[in-house]
Amino acid sequence: MKIKPLRDQVLLEPIKEERKKGGIILPETVQKERPEKAKVIAVGPGKVSDGKLVPIDLKKGDVVLFTKYGPNEIKIDEKEYLIAREEDILAVLE
Protein backbone atom coordinates (compact mmCIF):
# COMPACT_ATOMS: atom_id res chain seq x y z
CA MET A 1 0.00 0.00 0.00
CA LYS A 2 1.28 3.48 -0.85
CA ILE A 3 0.73 6.35 1.53
CA LYS A 4 1.45 10.04 0.97
CA PRO A 5 1.30 12.37 3.96
CA LEU A 6 -0.63 15.63 3.59
CA ARG A 7 0.57 19.18 4.27
CA ASP A 8 3.51 19.25 6.71
CA GLN A 9 3.12 15.65 7.88
CA VAL A 10 5.98 13.13 7.79
CA LEU A 11 5.67 9.31 7.76
CA LEU A 12 8.29 7.72 10.03
CA GLU A 13 9.48 4.16 10.60
CA PRO A 14 10.61 3.83 14.25
CA ILE A 15 14.15 2.60 14.85
CA LYS A 16 14.13 0.30 17.85
CA GLU A 17 17.40 0.14 19.71
CA GLU A 18 18.45 -2.46 22.24
CA ARG A 19 18.96 -0.95 25.66
CA LYS A 20 21.60 -2.17 28.05
CA LYS A 21 21.42 -1.77 31.77
CA GLY A 22 24.58 -2.76 33.61
CA GLY A 23 25.75 -4.94 30.70
CA ILE A 24 22.41 -6.79 30.44
CA ILE A 25 20.43 -6.40 27.22
CA LEU A 26 16.78 -5.79 28.04
CA PRO A 27 14.21 -7.47 25.80
CA GLU A 28 11.74 -5.32 23.87
CA THR A 29 8.89 -6.38 26.16
CA VAL A 30 10.58 -4.65 29.09
CA GLN A 31 11.18 -1.48 27.09
CA LYS A 32 7.79 0.19 27.27
CA GLU A 33 8.92 3.61 26.09
CA ARG A 34 8.35 4.73 22.51
CA PRO A 35 11.53 5.17 20.48
CA GLU A 36 12.53 8.75 19.73
CA LYS A 37 14.55 7.97 16.60
CA ALA A 38 13.09 7.10 13.20
CA LYS A 39 13.73 6.88 9.47
CA VAL A 40 11.72 9.15 7.16
CA ILE A 41 9.62 7.06 4.75
CA ALA A 42 7.60 9.83 3.05
CA VAL A 43 7.01 13.58 3.39
CA GLY A 44 4.06 15.79 2.55
CA PRO A 45 4.33 18.75 0.16
CA GLY A 46 4.68 21.34 2.92
CA LYS A 47 2.73 24.00 4.75
CA VAL A 48 0.94 26.97 3.21
CA SER A 49 2.03 30.25 4.79
CA ASP A 50 0.91 33.66 3.49
CA GLY A 51 -0.50 31.96 0.39
CA LYS A 52 2.81 30.32 -0.52
CA LEU A 53 3.83 26.68 -0.15
CA VAL A 54 6.77 26.26 2.23
CA PRO A 55 8.38 22.86 1.48
CA ILE A 56 9.53 20.49 4.22
CA ASP A 57 13.28 20.43 4.97
CA LEU A 58 13.33 16.62 5.27
CA LYS A 59 13.75 13.97 2.61
CA LYS A 60 13.10 10.25 2.35
CA GLY A 61 15.83 8.25 4.09
CA ASP A 62 16.76 10.88 6.71
CA VAL A 63 17.17 9.57 10.26
CA VAL A 64 15.56 11.97 12.71
CA LEU A 65 14.97 12.60 16.41
CA PHE A 66 11.43 13.59 17.36
CA THR A 67 9.42 14.57 20.41
CA LYS A 68 8.41 11.53 22.43
CA TYR A 69 4.63 12.03 22.42
CA GLY A 70 4.16 14.21 19.31
CA PRO A 71 3.66 11.60 16.54
CA ASN A 72 0.55 9.47 16.09
CA GLU A 73 0.92 5.70 15.77
CA ILE A 74 -0.59 4.00 12.73
CA LYS A 75 -0.50 0.45 11.37
CA ILE A 76 -0.16 -0.27 7.64
CA ASP A 77 -0.02 -3.86 6.39
CA GLU A 78 0.69 -5.14 9.94
CA LYS A 79 3.70 -2.81 10.30
CA GLU A 80 3.79 0.08 12.76
CA TYR A 81 4.62 3.61 11.63
CA LEU A 82 4.40 7.09 13.07
CA ILE A 83 2.98 10.23 11.48
CA ALA A 84 4.39 13.49 12.82
CA ARG A 85 4.11 17.15 11.98
CA GLU A 86 7.33 18.76 10.83
CA GLU A 87 7.38 20.83 14.06
CA ASP A 88 7.56 17.60 16.13
CA ILE A 89 10.88 16.68 14.51
CA LEU A 90 13.81 18.03 16.49
CA ALA A 91 16.91 17.12 14.47
CA VAL A 92 18.32 15.16 11.54
CA LEU A 93 21.11 12.72 12.45
CA GLU A 94 24.08 12.57 10.11
PDB file of N, CA and C in Angstrom:
ATOM      1  N   MET A   1       0.834  -1.172   0.000  1.00  0.00           N
ATOM      2  CA  MET A   1       0.000   0.000   0.000  1.00  0.00           C
ATOM      3  C   MET A   1       0.884   1.243   0.000  1.00  0.00           C
ATOM      4  N   LYS A   2       0.549   2.220  -0.819  1.00  0.00           N
ATOM      5  CA  LYS A   2       1.282   3.477  -0.850  1.00  0.00           C
ATOM      6  C   LYS A   2       0.548   4.484   0.018  1.00  0.00           C
ATOM      7  N   ILE A   3       1.313   5.306   0.692  1.00  0.00           N
ATOM      8  CA  ILE A   3       0.732   6.350   1.531  1.00  0.00           C
ATOM      9  C   ILE A   3       1.528   7.626   1.318  1.00  0.00           C
ATOM     10  N   LYS A   4       0.806   8.739   1.148  1.00  0.00           N
ATOM     11  CA  LYS A   4       1.446  10.038   0.969  1.00  0.00           C
ATOM     12  C   LYS A   4       0.899  10.980   2.028  1.00  0.00           C
ATOM     13  N   PRO A   5       1.753  11.448   2.925  1.00  0.00           N
ATOM     14  CA  PRO A   5       1.304  12.374   3.961  1.00  0.00           C
ATOM     15  C   PRO A   5       0.820  13.697   3.349  1.00  0.00           C
ATOM     16  N   LEU A   6      -0.107  14.342   4.029  1.00  0.00           N
ATOM     17  CA  LEU A   6      -0.633  15.626   3.590  1.00  0.00           C
ATOM     18  C   LEU A   6       0.077  16.765   4.307  1.00  0.00           C
ATOM     19  N   ARG A   7       0.009  17.947   3.721  1.00  0.00           N
ATOM     20  CA  ARG A   7       0.570  19.177   4.270  1.00  0.00           C
ATOM     21  C   ARG A   7       1.980  18.986   4.845  1.00  0.00           C
ATOM     22  N   ASP A   8       2.170  19.329   6.107  1.00  0.00           N
ATOM     23  CA  ASP A   8       3.513  19.255   6.708  1.00  0.00           C
ATOM     24  C   ASP A   8       3.683  17.998   7.554  1.00  0.00           C
ATOM     25  N   GLN A   9       3.015  16.920   7.158  1.00  0.00           N
ATOM     26  CA  GLN A   9       3.123  15.651   7.876  1.00  0.00           C
ATOM     27  C   GLN A   9       4.269  14.812   7.306  1.00  0.00           C
ATOM     28  N   VAL A  10       4.859  13.976   8.174  1.00  0.00           N
ATOM     29  CA  VAL A  10       5.985  13.129   7.791  1.00  0.00           C
ATOM     30  C   VAL A  10       5.684  11.708   8.275  1.00  0.00           C
ATOM     31  N   LEU A  11       5.854  10.711   7.399  1.00  0.00           N
ATOM     32  CA  LEU A  11       5.673   9.305   7.761  1.00  0.00           C
ATOM     33  C   LEU A  11       7.022   8.764   8.213  1.00  0.00           C
ATOM     34  N   LEU A  12       7.053   8.194   9.425  1.00  0.00           N
ATOM     35  CA  LEU A  12       8.292   7.718  10.029  1.00  0.00           C
ATOM     36  C   LEU A  12       8.218   6.233  10.340  1.00  0.00           C
ATOM     37  N   GLU A  13       9.346   5.561  10.174  1.00  0.00           N
ATOM     38  CA  GLU A  13       9.479   4.163  10.604  1.00  0.00           C
ATOM     39  C   GLU A  13      10.370   4.165  11.840  1.00  0.00           C
ATOM     40  N   PRO A  14       9.818   3.790  13.009  1.00  0.00           N
ATOM     41  CA  PRO A  14      10.609   3.830  14.246  1.00  0.00           C
ATOM     42  C   PRO A  14      11.835   2.923  14.171  1.00  0.00           C
ATOM     43  N   ILE A  15      12.930   3.393  14.737  1.00  0.00           N
ATOM     44  CA  ILE A  15      14.148   2.598  14.847  1.00  0.00           C
ATOM     45  C   ILE A  15      14.230   2.144  16.292  1.00  0.00           C
ATOM     46  N   LYS A  16      14.099   0.843  16.506  1.00  0.00           N
ATOM     47  CA  LYS A  16      14.133   0.299  17.854  1.00  0.00           C
ATOM     48  C   LYS A  16      15.563  -0.097  18.175  1.00  0.00           C
ATOM     49  N   GLU A  17      16.038   0.425  19.288  1.00  0.00           N
ATOM     50  CA  GLU A  17      17.401   0.138  19.714  1.00  0.00           C
ATOM     51  C   GLU A  17      17.372  -0.738  20.948  1.00  0.00           C
ATOM     52  N   GLU A  18      18.320  -1.644  21.035  1.00  0.00           N
ATOM     53  CA  GLU A  18      18.453  -2.455  22.242  1.00  0.00           C
ATOM     54  C   GLU A  18      19.011  -1.573  23.344  1.00  0.00           C
ATOM     55  N   ARG A  19      18.463  -1.724  24.526  1.00  0.00           N
ATOM     56  CA  ARG A  19      18.964  -0.952  25.655  1.00  0.00           C
ATOM     57  C   ARG A  19      19.699  -1.881  26.603  1.00  0.00           C
ATOM     58  N   LYS A  20      20.818  -1.393  27.090  1.00  0.00           N
ATOM     59  CA  LYS A  20      21.600  -2.168  28.055  1.00  0.00           C
ATOM     60  C   LYS A  20      21.510  -1.491  29.409  1.00  0.00           C
ATOM     61  N   LYS A  21      21.410  -2.290  30.417  1.00  0.00           N
ATOM     62  CA  LYS A  21      21.424  -1.765  31.774  1.00  0.00           C
ATOM     63  C   LYS A  21      22.419  -2.610  32.567  1.00  0.00           C
ATOM     64  N   GLY A  22      23.556  -2.031  32.864  1.00  0.00           N
ATOM     65  CA  GLY A  22      24.583  -2.762  33.610  1.00  0.00           C
ATOM     66  C   GLY A  22      25.134  -3.944  32.846  1.00  0.00           C
ATOM     67  N   GLY A  23      25.213  -3.858  31.516  1.00  0.00           N
ATOM     68  CA  GLY A  23      25.746  -4.938  30.703  1.00  0.00           C
ATOM     69  C   GLY A  23      24.722  -5.991  30.332  1.00  0.00           C
ATOM     70  N   ILE A  24      23.469  -5.827  30.778  1.00  0.00           N
ATOM     71  CA  ILE A  24      22.413  -6.786  30.441  1.00  0.00           C
ATOM     72  C   ILE A  24      21.534  -6.164  29.367  1.00  0.00           C
ATOM     73  N   ILE A  25      21.301  -6.885  28.281  1.00  0.00           N
ATOM     74  CA  ILE A  25      20.426  -6.403  27.218  1.00  0.00           C
ATOM     75  C   ILE A  25      18.987  -6.692  27.626  1.00  0.00           C
ATOM     76  N   LEU A  26      18.179  -5.633  27.658  1.00  0.00           N
ATOM     77  CA  LEU A  26      16.784  -5.786  28.043  1.00  0.00           C
ATOM     78  C   LEU A  26      15.938  -6.136  26.827  1.00  0.00           C
ATOM     79  N   PRO A  27      15.069  -7.131  26.929  1.00  0.00           N
ATOM     80  CA  PRO A  27      14.212  -7.472  25.797  1.00  0.00           C
ATOM     81  C   PRO A  27      13.207  -6.359  25.515  1.00  0.00           C
ATOM     82  N   GLU A  28      12.664  -6.361  24.295  1.00  0.00           N
ATOM     83  CA  GLU A  28      11.743  -5.320  23.869  1.00  0.00           C
ATOM     84  C   GLU A  28      10.499  -5.256  24.757  1.00  0.00           C
ATOM     85  N   THR A  29      10.076  -6.373  25.320  1.00  0.00           N
ATOM     86  CA  THR A  29       8.887  -6.384  26.157  1.00  0.00           C
ATOM     87  C   THR A  29       9.073  -5.582  27.436  1.00  0.00           C
ATOM     88  N   VAL A  30      10.297  -5.436  27.890  1.00  0.00           N
ATOM     89  CA  VAL A  30      10.576  -4.653  29.087  1.00  0.00           C
ATOM     90  C   VAL A  30      10.649  -3.170  28.746  1.00  0.00           C
ATOM     91  N   GLN A  31      11.026  -2.865  27.524  1.00  0.00           N
ATOM     92  CA  GLN A  31      11.176  -1.483  27.088  1.00  0.00           C
ATOM     93  C   GLN A  31       9.818  -0.949  26.664  1.00  0.00           C
ATOM     94  N   LYS A  32       9.143  -0.273  27.547  1.00  0.00           N
ATOM     95  CA  LYS A  32       7.794   0.187  27.268  1.00  0.00           C
ATOM     96  C   LYS A  32       7.774   1.573  26.632  1.00  0.00           C
ATOM     97  N   GLU A  33       8.890   2.260  26.631  1.00  0.00           N
ATOM     98  CA  GLU A  33       8.923   3.607  26.090  1.00  0.00           C
ATOM     99  C   GLU A  33       8.986   3.590  24.573  1.00  0.00           C
ATOM    100  N   ARG A  34       8.347   4.578  23.963  1.00  0.00           N
ATOM    101  CA  ARG A  34       8.346   4.730  22.514  1.00  0.00           C
ATOM    102  C   ARG A  34       9.723   5.219  22.056  1.00  0.00           C
ATOM    103  N   PRO A  35      10.242   4.681  20.970  1.00  0.00           N
ATOM    104  CA  PRO A  35      11.535   5.169  20.481  1.00  0.00           C
ATOM    105  C   PRO A  35      11.416   6.628  20.032  1.00  0.00           C
ATOM    106  N   GLU A  36      12.520   7.345  20.113  1.00  0.00           N
ATOM    107  CA  GLU A  36      12.529   8.755  19.730  1.00  0.00           C
ATOM    108  C   GLU A  36      13.360   8.978  18.475  1.00  0.00           C
ATOM    109  N   LYS A  37      13.724   7.900  17.799  1.00  0.00           N
ATOM    110  CA  LYS A  37      14.552   7.966  16.596  1.00  0.00           C
ATOM    111  C   LYS A  37      13.814   7.195  15.508  1.00  0.00           C
ATOM    112  N   ALA A  38      13.823   7.746  14.282  1.00  0.00           N
ATOM    113  CA  ALA A  38      13.088   7.097  13.199  1.00  0.00           C
ATOM    114  C   ALA A  38      13.680   7.460  11.841  1.00  0.00           C
ATOM    115  N   LYS A  39      13.320   6.647  10.856  1.00  0.00           N
ATOM    116  CA  LYS A  39      13.730   6.882   9.474  1.00  0.00           C
ATOM    117  C   LYS A  39      12.533   7.468   8.722  1.00  0.00           C
ATOM    118  N   VAL A  40      12.782   8.512   7.939  1.00  0.00           N
ATOM    119  CA  VAL A  40      11.721   9.153   7.156  1.00  0.00           C
ATOM    120  C   VAL A  40      11.384   8.262   5.968  1.00  0.00           C
ATOM    121  N   ILE A  41      10.095   7.904   5.842  1.00  0.00           N
ATOM    122  CA  ILE A  41       9.618   7.064   4.754  1.00  0.00           C
ATOM    123  C   ILE A  41       8.994   7.913   3.644  1.00  0.00           C
ATOM    124  N   ALA A  42       8.241   8.950   4.030  1.00  0.00           N
ATOM    125  CA  ALA A  42       7.596   9.831   3.052  1.00  0.00           C
ATOM    126  C   ALA A  42       7.331  11.181   3.701  1.00  0.00           C
ATOM    127  N   VAL A  43       7.299  12.231   2.891  1.00  0.00           N
ATOM    128  CA  VAL A  43       7.011  13.577   3.389  1.00  0.00           C
ATOM    129  C   VAL A  43       5.887  14.203   2.577  1.00  0.00           C
ATOM    130  N   GLY A  44       5.124  15.054   3.233  1.00  0.00           N
ATOM    131  CA  GLY A  44       4.064  15.790   2.548  1.00  0.00           C
ATOM    132  C   GLY A  44       4.661  16.944   1.750  1.00  0.00           C
ATOM    133  N   PRO A  45       3.827  17.661   0.997  1.00  0.00           N
ATOM    134  CA  PRO A  45       4.330  18.748   0.155  1.00  0.00           C
ATOM    135  C   PRO A  45       4.810  19.965   0.936  1.00  0.00           C
ATOM    136  N   GLY A  46       4.279  20.187   2.118  1.00  0.00           N
ATOM    137  CA  GLY A  46       4.685  21.337   2.917  1.00  0.00           C
ATOM    138  C   GLY A  46       3.485  22.087   3.450  1.00  0.00           C
ATOM    139  N   LYS A  47       3.756  23.197   4.099  1.00  0.00           N
ATOM    140  CA  LYS A  47       2.730  24.000   4.748  1.00  0.00           C
ATOM    141  C   LYS A  47       2.499  25.279   3.957  1.00  0.00           C
ATOM    142  N   VAL A  48       1.251  25.719   3.892  1.00  0.00           N
ATOM    143  CA  VAL A  48       0.938  26.967   3.210  1.00  0.00           C
ATOM    144  C   VAL A  48       1.029  28.099   4.230  1.00  0.00           C
ATOM    145  N   SER A  49       1.850  29.092   3.918  1.00  0.00           N
ATOM    146  CA  SER A  49       2.026  30.248   4.785  1.00  0.00           C
ATOM    147  C   SER A  49       1.974  31.509   3.920  1.00  0.00           C
ATOM    148  N   ASP A  50       1.096  32.416   4.258  1.00  0.00           N
ATOM    149  CA  ASP A  50       0.906  33.661   3.488  1.00  0.00           C
ATOM    150  C   ASP A  50       0.614  33.370   2.022  1.00  0.00           C
ATOM    151  N   GLY A  51      -0.120  32.305   1.755  1.00  0.00           N
ATOM    152  CA  GLY A  51      -0.505  31.963   0.387  1.00  0.00           C
ATOM    153  C   GLY A  51       0.571  31.266  -0.419  1.00  0.00           C
ATOM    154  N   LYS A  52       1.712  30.990   0.187  1.00  0.00           N
ATOM    155  CA  LYS A  52       2.811  30.320  -0.522  1.00  0.00           C
ATOM    156  C   LYS A  52       3.107  28.984   0.146  1.00  0.00           C
ATOM    157  N   LEU A  53       3.474  27.997  -0.650  1.00  0.00           N
ATOM    158  CA  LEU A  53       3.834  26.679  -0.146  1.00  0.00           C
ATOM    159  C   LEU A  53       5.269  26.697   0.361  1.00  0.00           C
ATOM    160  N   VAL A  54       5.445  26.341   1.631  1.00  0.00           N
ATOM    161  CA  VAL A  54       6.772  26.260   2.235  1.00  0.00           C
ATOM    162  C   VAL A  54       7.120  24.774   2.316  1.00  0.00           C
ATOM    163  N   PRO A  55       8.062  24.291   1.489  1.00  0.00           N
ATOM    164  CA  PRO A  55       8.382  22.863   1.476  1.00  0.00           C
ATOM    165  C   PRO A  55       9.041  22.399   2.770  1.00  0.00           C
ATOM    166  N   ILE A  56       8.936  21.100   3.036  1.00  0.00           N
ATOM    167  CA  ILE A  56       9.535  20.493   4.221  1.00  0.00           C
ATOM    168  C   ILE A  56      11.033  20.313   3.997  1.00  0.00           C
ATOM    169  N   ASP A  57      11.816  20.532   5.055  1.00  0.00           N
ATOM    170  CA  ASP A  57      13.275  20.428   4.973  1.00  0.00           C
ATOM    171  C   ASP A  57      13.799  18.996   5.048  1.00  0.00           C
ATOM    172  N   LEU A  58      12.918  18.020   5.155  1.00  0.00           N
ATOM    173  CA  LEU A  58      13.329  16.619   5.275  1.00  0.00           C
ATOM    174  C   LEU A  58      13.173  15.906   3.951  1.00  0.00           C
ATOM    175  N   LYS A  59      13.887  14.785   3.815  1.00  0.00           N
ATOM    176  CA  LYS A  59      13.747  13.970   2.610  1.00  0.00           C
ATOM    177  C   LYS A  59      13.691  12.502   3.008  1.00  0.00           C
ATOM    178  N   LYS A  60      13.198  11.688   2.118  1.00  0.00           N
ATOM    179  CA  LYS A  60      13.098  10.253   2.355  1.00  0.00           C
ATOM    180  C   LYS A  60      14.486   9.694   2.667  1.00  0.00           C
ATOM    181  N   GLY A  61      14.562   8.863   3.715  1.00  0.00           N
ATOM    182  CA  GLY A  61      15.835   8.250   4.095  1.00  0.00           C
ATOM    183  C   GLY A  61      16.538   8.946   5.245  1.00  0.00           C
ATOM    184  N   ASP A  62      16.151  10.187   5.572  1.00  0.00           N
ATOM    185  CA  ASP A  62      16.759  10.879   6.713  1.00  0.00           C
ATOM    186  C   ASP A  62      16.456  10.120   8.004  1.00  0.00           C
ATOM    187  N   VAL A  63      17.398  10.126   8.933  1.00  0.00           N
ATOM    188  CA  VAL A  63      17.174   9.572  10.265  1.00  0.00           C
ATOM    189  C   VAL A  63      17.012  10.767  11.193  1.00  0.00           C
ATOM    190  N   VAL A  64      15.898  10.798  11.925  1.00  0.00           N
ATOM    191  CA  VAL A  64      15.558  11.975  12.710  1.00  0.00           C
ATOM    192  C   VAL A  64      15.282  11.639  14.168  1.00  0.00           C
ATOM    193  N   LEU A  65      15.403  12.654  15.015  1.00  0.00           N
ATOM    194  CA  LEU A  65      14.970  12.597  16.408  1.00  0.00           C
ATOM    195  C   LEU A  65      13.676  13.390  16.494  1.00  0.00           C
ATOM    196  N   PHE A  66      12.707  12.894  17.260  1.00  0.00           N
ATOM    197  CA  PHE A  66      11.426  13.585  17.358  1.00  0.00           C
ATOM    198  C   PHE A  66      10.962  13.630  18.798  1.00  0.00           C
ATOM    199  N   THR A  67       9.972  14.483  19.064  1.00  0.00           N
ATOM    200  CA  THR A  67       9.424  14.571  20.412  1.00  0.00           C
ATOM    201  C   THR A  67       8.736  13.265  20.761  1.00  0.00           C
ATOM    202  N   LYS A  68       8.866  12.849  21.999  1.00  0.00           N
ATOM    203  CA  LYS A  68       8.408  11.532  22.429  1.00  0.00           C
ATOM    204  C   LYS A  68       6.922  11.295  22.193  1.00  0.00           C
ATOM    205  N   TYR A  69       6.071  12.257  22.515  1.00  0.00           N
ATOM    206  CA  TYR A  69       4.634  12.028  22.421  1.00  0.00           C
ATOM    207  C   TYR A  69       3.959  12.825  21.298  1.00  0.00           C
ATOM    208  N   GLY A  70       4.732  13.424  20.393  1.00  0.00           N
ATOM    209  CA  GLY A  70       4.159  14.209  19.309  1.00  0.00           C
ATOM    210  C   GLY A  70       3.527  13.383  18.196  1.00  0.00           C
ATOM    211  N   PRO A  71       4.198  12.356  17.672  1.00  0.00           N
ATOM    212  CA  PRO A  71       3.660  11.599  16.545  1.00  0.00           C
ATOM    213  C   PRO A  71       2.482  10.703  16.923  1.00  0.00           C
ATOM    214  N   ASN A  72       1.652  10.410  15.927  1.00  0.00           N
ATOM    215  CA  ASN A  72       0.548   9.466  16.086  1.00  0.00           C
ATOM    216  C   ASN A  72       0.969   8.117  15.530  1.00  0.00           C
ATOM    217  N   GLU A  73       0.600   7.047  16.227  1.00  0.00           N
ATOM    218  CA  GLU A  73       0.925   5.698  15.775  1.00  0.00           C
ATOM    219  C   GLU A  73      -0.132   5.221  14.790  1.00  0.00           C
ATOM    220  N   ILE A  74       0.327   4.598  13.689  1.00  0.00           N
ATOM    221  CA  ILE A  74      -0.592   3.996  12.725  1.00  0.00           C
ATOM    222  C   ILE A  74      -0.045   2.627  12.345  1.00  0.00           C
ATOM    223  N   LYS A  75      -0.902   1.784  11.798  1.00  0.00           N
ATOM    224  CA  LYS A  75      -0.496   0.452  11.370  1.00  0.00           C
ATOM    225  C   LYS A  75      -0.891   0.294   9.901  1.00  0.00           C
ATOM    226  N   ILE A  76       0.081  -0.062   9.066  1.00  0.00           N
ATOM    227  CA  ILE A  76      -0.160  -0.274   7.642  1.00  0.00           C
ATOM    228  C   ILE A  76       0.409  -1.636   7.290  1.00  0.00           C
ATOM    229  N   ASP A  77      -0.441  -2.507   6.764  1.00  0.00           N
ATOM    230  CA  ASP A  77      -0.019  -3.859   6.393  1.00  0.00           C
ATOM    231  C   ASP A  77       0.721  -4.554   7.537  1.00  0.00           C
ATOM    232  N   GLU A  78       0.151  -4.489   8.745  1.00  0.00           N
ATOM    233  CA  GLU A  78       0.692  -5.142   9.940  1.00  0.00           C
ATOM    234  C   GLU A  78       2.040  -4.582  10.404  1.00  0.00           C
ATOM    235  N   LYS A  79       2.457  -3.433   9.881  1.00  0.00           N
ATOM    236  CA  LYS A  79       3.704  -2.809  10.297  1.00  0.00           C
ATOM    237  C   LYS A  79       3.389  -1.465  10.945  1.00  0.00           C
ATOM    238  N   GLU A  80       4.071  -1.154  12.046  1.00  0.00           N
ATOM    239  CA  GLU A  80       3.790   0.082  12.764  1.00  0.00           C
ATOM    240  C   GLU A  80       4.646   1.235  12.251  1.00  0.00           C
ATOM    241  N   TYR A  81       3.981   2.373  12.065  1.00  0.00           N
ATOM    242  CA  TYR A  81       4.621   3.611  11.628  1.00  0.00           C
ATOM    243  C   TYR A  81       4.163   4.737  12.534  1.00  0.00           C
ATOM    244  N   LEU A  82       4.794   5.878  12.369  1.00  0.00           N
ATOM    245  CA  LEU A  82       4.403   7.085  13.073  1.00  0.00           C
ATOM    246  C   LEU A  82       4.168   8.181  12.045  1.00  0.00           C
ATOM    247  N   ILE A  83       3.184   9.039  12.312  1.00  0.00           N
ATOM    248  CA  ILE A  83       2.984  10.231  11.483  1.00  0.00           C
ATOM    249  C   ILE A  83       3.170  11.430  12.397  1.00  0.00           C
ATOM    250  N   ALA A  84       4.073  12.324  12.000  1.00  0.00           N
ATOM    251  CA  ALA A  84       4.390  13.494  12.821  1.00  0.00           C
ATOM    252  C   ALA A  84       4.316  14.759  11.977  1.00  0.00           C
ATOM    253  N   ARG A  85       4.027  15.852  12.644  1.00  0.00           N
ATOM    254  CA  ARG A  85       4.108  17.154  11.981  1.00  0.00           C
ATOM    255  C   ARG A  85       5.594  17.532  11.917  1.00  0.00           C
ATOM    256  N   GLU A  86       5.935  18.356  10.967  1.00  0.00           N
ATOM    257  CA  GLU A  86       7.329  18.765  10.832  1.00  0.00           C
ATOM    258  C   GLU A  86       7.823  19.432  12.124  1.00  0.00           C
ATOM    259  N   GLU A  87       6.971  20.155  12.826  1.00  0.00           N
ATOM    260  CA  GLU A  87       7.376  20.834  14.057  1.00  0.00           C
ATOM    261  C   GLU A  87       7.708  19.869  15.204  1.00  0.00           C
ATOM    262  N   ASP A  88       7.249  18.606  15.105  1.00  0.00           N
ATOM    263  CA  ASP A  88       7.558  17.597  16.126  1.00  0.00           C
ATOM    264  C   ASP A  88       8.937  16.982  15.934  1.00  0.00           C
ATOM    265  N   ILE A  89       9.562  17.236  14.795  1.00  0.00           N
ATOM    266  CA  ILE A  89      10.885  16.684  14.514  1.00  0.00           C
ATOM    267  C   ILE A  89      11.948  17.662  14.991  1.00  0.00           C
ATOM    268  N   LEU A  90      12.838  17.165  15.827  1.00  0.00           N
ATOM    269  CA  LEU A  90      13.811  18.031  16.492  1.00  0.00           C
ATOM    270  C   LEU A  90      15.122  18.180  15.740  1.00  0.00           C
ATOM    271  N   ALA A  91      15.596  17.073  15.103  1.00  0.00           N
ATOM    272  CA  ALA A  91      16.907  17.118  14.468  1.00  0.00           C
ATOM    273  C   ALA A  91      17.045  15.987  13.456  1.00  0.00           C
ATOM    274  N   VAL A  92      17.948  16.188  12.494  1.00  0.00           N
ATOM    275  CA  VAL A  92      18.321  15.158  11.535  1.00  0.00           C
ATOM    276  C   VAL A  92      19.685  14.647  11.956  1.00  0.00           C
ATOM    277  N   LEU A  93      19.820  13.331  12.083  1.00  0.00           N
ATOM    278  CA  LEU A  93      21.106  12.721  12.452  1.00  0.00           C
ATOM    279  C   LEU A  93      21.929  12.475  11.197  1.00  0.00           C
ATOM    280  N   GLU A  94      23.201  12.767  11.274  1.00  0.00           N
ATOM    281  CA  GLU A  94      24.080  12.571  10.111  1.00  0.00           C
ATOM    282  C   GLU A  94      25.086  11.483  10.383  1.00  0.00           C
TER     283      GLU A  94
END
